[in-house]
Amino acid sequence: IYCLEMADAAELLFLESVLRNGDGTSDSFAAALNLIRKYQGIERTMARAEGFTRAARRIVAEFPVSPIQRALLALTEAVVGRDH
């Protein structure tokens, strides 16, 4: 979404074509990934996810200490800490 907001007209046409037509060739994927990287889409998405994670931790921290609370806290760590 960040890429779609920042792309120029030609990039936007390319991305819309890939998204609408489901063009899954490795060349199209590589070109789309390059655009995502160009506009820091991954970094911006991770930053937003980390913000949601911080908010979730604050809420879960208010729960009584228990195995369930610890599991929920661990889950928030796993979500943003995973590689894929």
C-alpha atoms as a PDB file:
ATOM      1  CA  ILE A   1       0.000   0.000   0.000  1.00  0.00           C
ATOM      2  CA  TYR A   2       2.849   2.378   0.782  1.00  0.00           C
ATOM      3  CA  CYS A   3       4.309   1.658  -2.644  1.00  0.00           C
ATOM      4  CA  LEU A   4       0.982   2.401  -4.313  1.00  0.00           C
ATOM      5  CA  GLU A   5       0.800   5.721  -2.477  1.00  0.00           C
ATOM      6  CA  MET A   6       4.313   6.768  -3.527  1.00  0.00           C
ATOM      7  CA  ALA A   7       4.673   5.304  -7.033  1.00  0.00           C
ATOM      8  CA  ASP A   8       4.872   7.502 -10.088  1.00  0.00           C
ATOM      9  CA  ALA A   9       2.395   7.027 -12.934  1.00  0.00           C
ATOM     10  CA  ALA A  10       4.390   4.354 -14.803  1.00  0.00           C
ATOM     11  CA  GLU A  11       5.142   2.416 -11.610  1.00  0.00           C
ATOM     12  CA  LEU A  12       1.511   2.596 -10.606  1.00  0.00           C
ATOM     13  CA  LEU A  13       0.365   1.201 -13.959  1.00  0.00           C
ATOM     14  CA  PHE A  14       2.850  -1.658 -13.631  1.00  0.00           C
ATOM     15  CA  LEU A  15       1.768  -2.483 -10.068  1.00  0.00           C
ATOM     16  CA  GLU A  16      -1.922  -2.317 -10.927  1.00  0.00           C
ATOM     17  CA  SER A  17      -1.334  -4.655 -13.859  1.00  0.00           C
ATOM     18  CA  VAL A  18       0.518  -7.153 -11.690  1.00  0.00           C
ATOM     19  CA  LEU A  19      -2.139  -7.012  -8.976  1.00  0.00           C
ATOM     20  CA  ARG A  20      -5.112  -7.229 -11.337  1.00  0.00           C
ATOM     21  CA  ASN A  21      -3.742  -9.850 -13.701  1.00  0.00           C
ATOM     22  CA  GLY A  22      -1.945 -11.955 -11.139  1.00  0.00           C
ATOM     23  CA  ASP A  23       1.235 -11.863 -13.200  1.00  0.00           C
ATOM     24  CA  GLY A  24       3.392 -14.071 -11.014  1.00  0.00           C
ATOM     25  CA  THR A  25       6.493 -14.327 -13.179  1.00  0.00           C
ATOM     26  CA  SER A  26       9.812 -14.029 -11.402  1.00  0.00           C
ATOM     27  CA  ASP A  27      10.616 -10.879 -13.408  1.00  0.00           C
ATOM     28  CA  SER A  28       7.369  -9.195 -12.380  1.00  0.00           C
ATOM     29  CA  PHE A  29       7.870 -10.267  -8.777  1.00  0.00           C
ATOM     30  CA  ALA A  30      11.426  -8.920  -8.750  1.00  0.00           C
ATOM     31  CA  ALA A  31      10.343  -5.623 -10.278  1.00  0.00           C
ATOM     32  CA  ALA A  32       7.487  -5.246  -7.774  1.00  0.00           C
ATOM     33  CA  LEU A  33       9.821  -6.092  -4.894  1.00  0.00           C
ATOM     34  CA  ASN A  34      12.290  -3.476  -6.120  1.00  0.00           C
ATOM     35  CA  LEU A  35       9.513  -0.870  -6.047  1.00  0.00           C
ATOM     36  CA  ILE A  36       8.501  -1.928  -2.542  1.00  0.00           C
ATOM     37  CA  ARG A  37      12.115  -1.544  -1.443  1.00  0.00           C
ATOM     38  CA  LYS A  38      12.446   1.789  -3.263  1.00  0.00           C
ATOM     39  CA  TYR A  39       9.615   3.221  -1.171  1.00  0.00           C
ATOM     40  CA  GLN A  40      10.708   1.491   2.076  1.00  0.00           C
ATOM     41  CA  GLY A  41       7.496  -0.528   2.156  1.00  0.00           C
ATOM     42  CA  ILE A  42       8.939  -3.332   4.257  1.00  0.00           C
ATOM     43  CA  GLU A  43      10.515  -0.981   6.788  1.00  0.00           C
ATOM     44  CA  ARG A  44       7.383   1.146   7.060  1.00  0.00           C
ATOM     45  CA  THR A  45       5.195  -1.928   7.480  1.00  0.00           C
ATOM     46  CA  MET A  46       7.485  -3.330  10.170  1.00  0.00           C
ATOM     47  CA  ALA A  47       7.452  -0.006  12.026  1.00  0.00           C
ATOM     48  CA  ARG A  48       3.670   0.020  11.972  1.00  0.00           C
ATOM     49  CA  ALA A  49       3.510  -3.590  13.155  1.00  0.00           C
ATOM     50  CA  GLU A  50       5.898  -2.750  15.989  1.00  0.00           C
ATOM     51  CA  GLY A  51       3.606   0.105  17.017  1.00  0.00           C
ATOM     52  CA  PHE A  52       0.637  -2.257  17.177  1.00  0.00           C
ATOM     53  CA  THR A  53       2.787  -4.718  19.115  1.00  0.00           C
ATOM     54  CA  ARG A  54       3.740  -2.083  21.692  1.00  0.00           C
ATOM     55  CA  ALA A  55       0.080  -1.211  22.127  1.00  0.00           C
ATOM     56  CA  ALA A  56      -0.839  -4.880  22.555  1.00  0.00           C
ATOM     57  CA  ARG A  57       1.911  -5.351  25.164  1.00  0.00           C
ATOM     58  CA  ARG A  58       0.612  -2.389  27.168  1.00  0.00           C
ATOM     59  CA  ILE A  59      -2.873  -3.885  27.190  1.00  0.00           C
ATOM     60  CA  VAL A  60      -1.703  -7.422  27.996  1.00  0.00           C
ATOM     61  CA  ALA A  61       0.539  -6.084  30.785  1.00  0.00           C
ATOM     62  CA  GLU A  62      -2.640  -5.012  32.595  1.00  0.00           C
ATOM     63  CA  PHE A  63      -3.892  -8.626  32.724  1.00  0.00           C
ATOM     64  CA  PRO A  64      -3.166 -10.635  35.853  1.00  0.00           C
ATOM     65  CA  VAL A  65       0.181 -12.398  35.663  1.00  0.00           C
ATOM     66  CA  SER A  66      -0.530 -15.930  34.507  1.00  0.00           C
ATOM     67  CA  PRO A  67       0.589 -18.478  31.930  1.00  0.00           C
ATOM     68  CA  ILE A  68      -1.968 -17.017  29.519  1.00  0.00           C
ATOM     69  CA  GLN A  69      -0.627 -13.484  29.961  1.00  0.00           C
ATOM     70  CA  ARG A  70       2.940 -14.697  29.436  1.00  0.00           C
ATOM     71  CA  ALA A  71       1.840 -16.601  26.310  1.00  0.00           C
ATOM     72  CA  LEU A  72       0.178 -13.489  24.902  1.00  0.00           C
ATOM     73  CA  LEU A  73       3.302 -11.425  25.561  1.00  0.00           C
ATOM     74  CA  ALA A  74       5.428 -14.103  23.884  1.00  0.00           C
ATOM     75  CA  LEU A  75       3.073 -14.094  20.916  1.00  0.00           C
ATOM     76  CA  THR A  76       3.562 -10.364  20.403  1.00  0.00           C
ATOM     77  CA  GLU A  77       7.334 -10.933  20.354  1.00  0.00           C
ATOM     78  CA  ALA A  78       7.019 -13.774  17.839  1.00  0.00           C
ATOM     79  CA  VAL A  79       4.866 -11.803  15.418  1.00  0.00           C
ATOM     80  CA  VAL A  80       7.332  -8.968  14.812  1.00  0.00           C
ATOM     81  CA  GLY A  81      10.435 -11.029  15.440  1.00  0.00           C
ATOM     82  CA  ARG A  82       9.871 -13.614  12.735  1.00  0.00           C
ATOM     83  CA  ASP A  83      11.715 -13.550   9.435  1.00  0.00           C
ATOM     84  CA  HIS A  84       8.869 -14.865   7.269  1.00  0.00           C
END
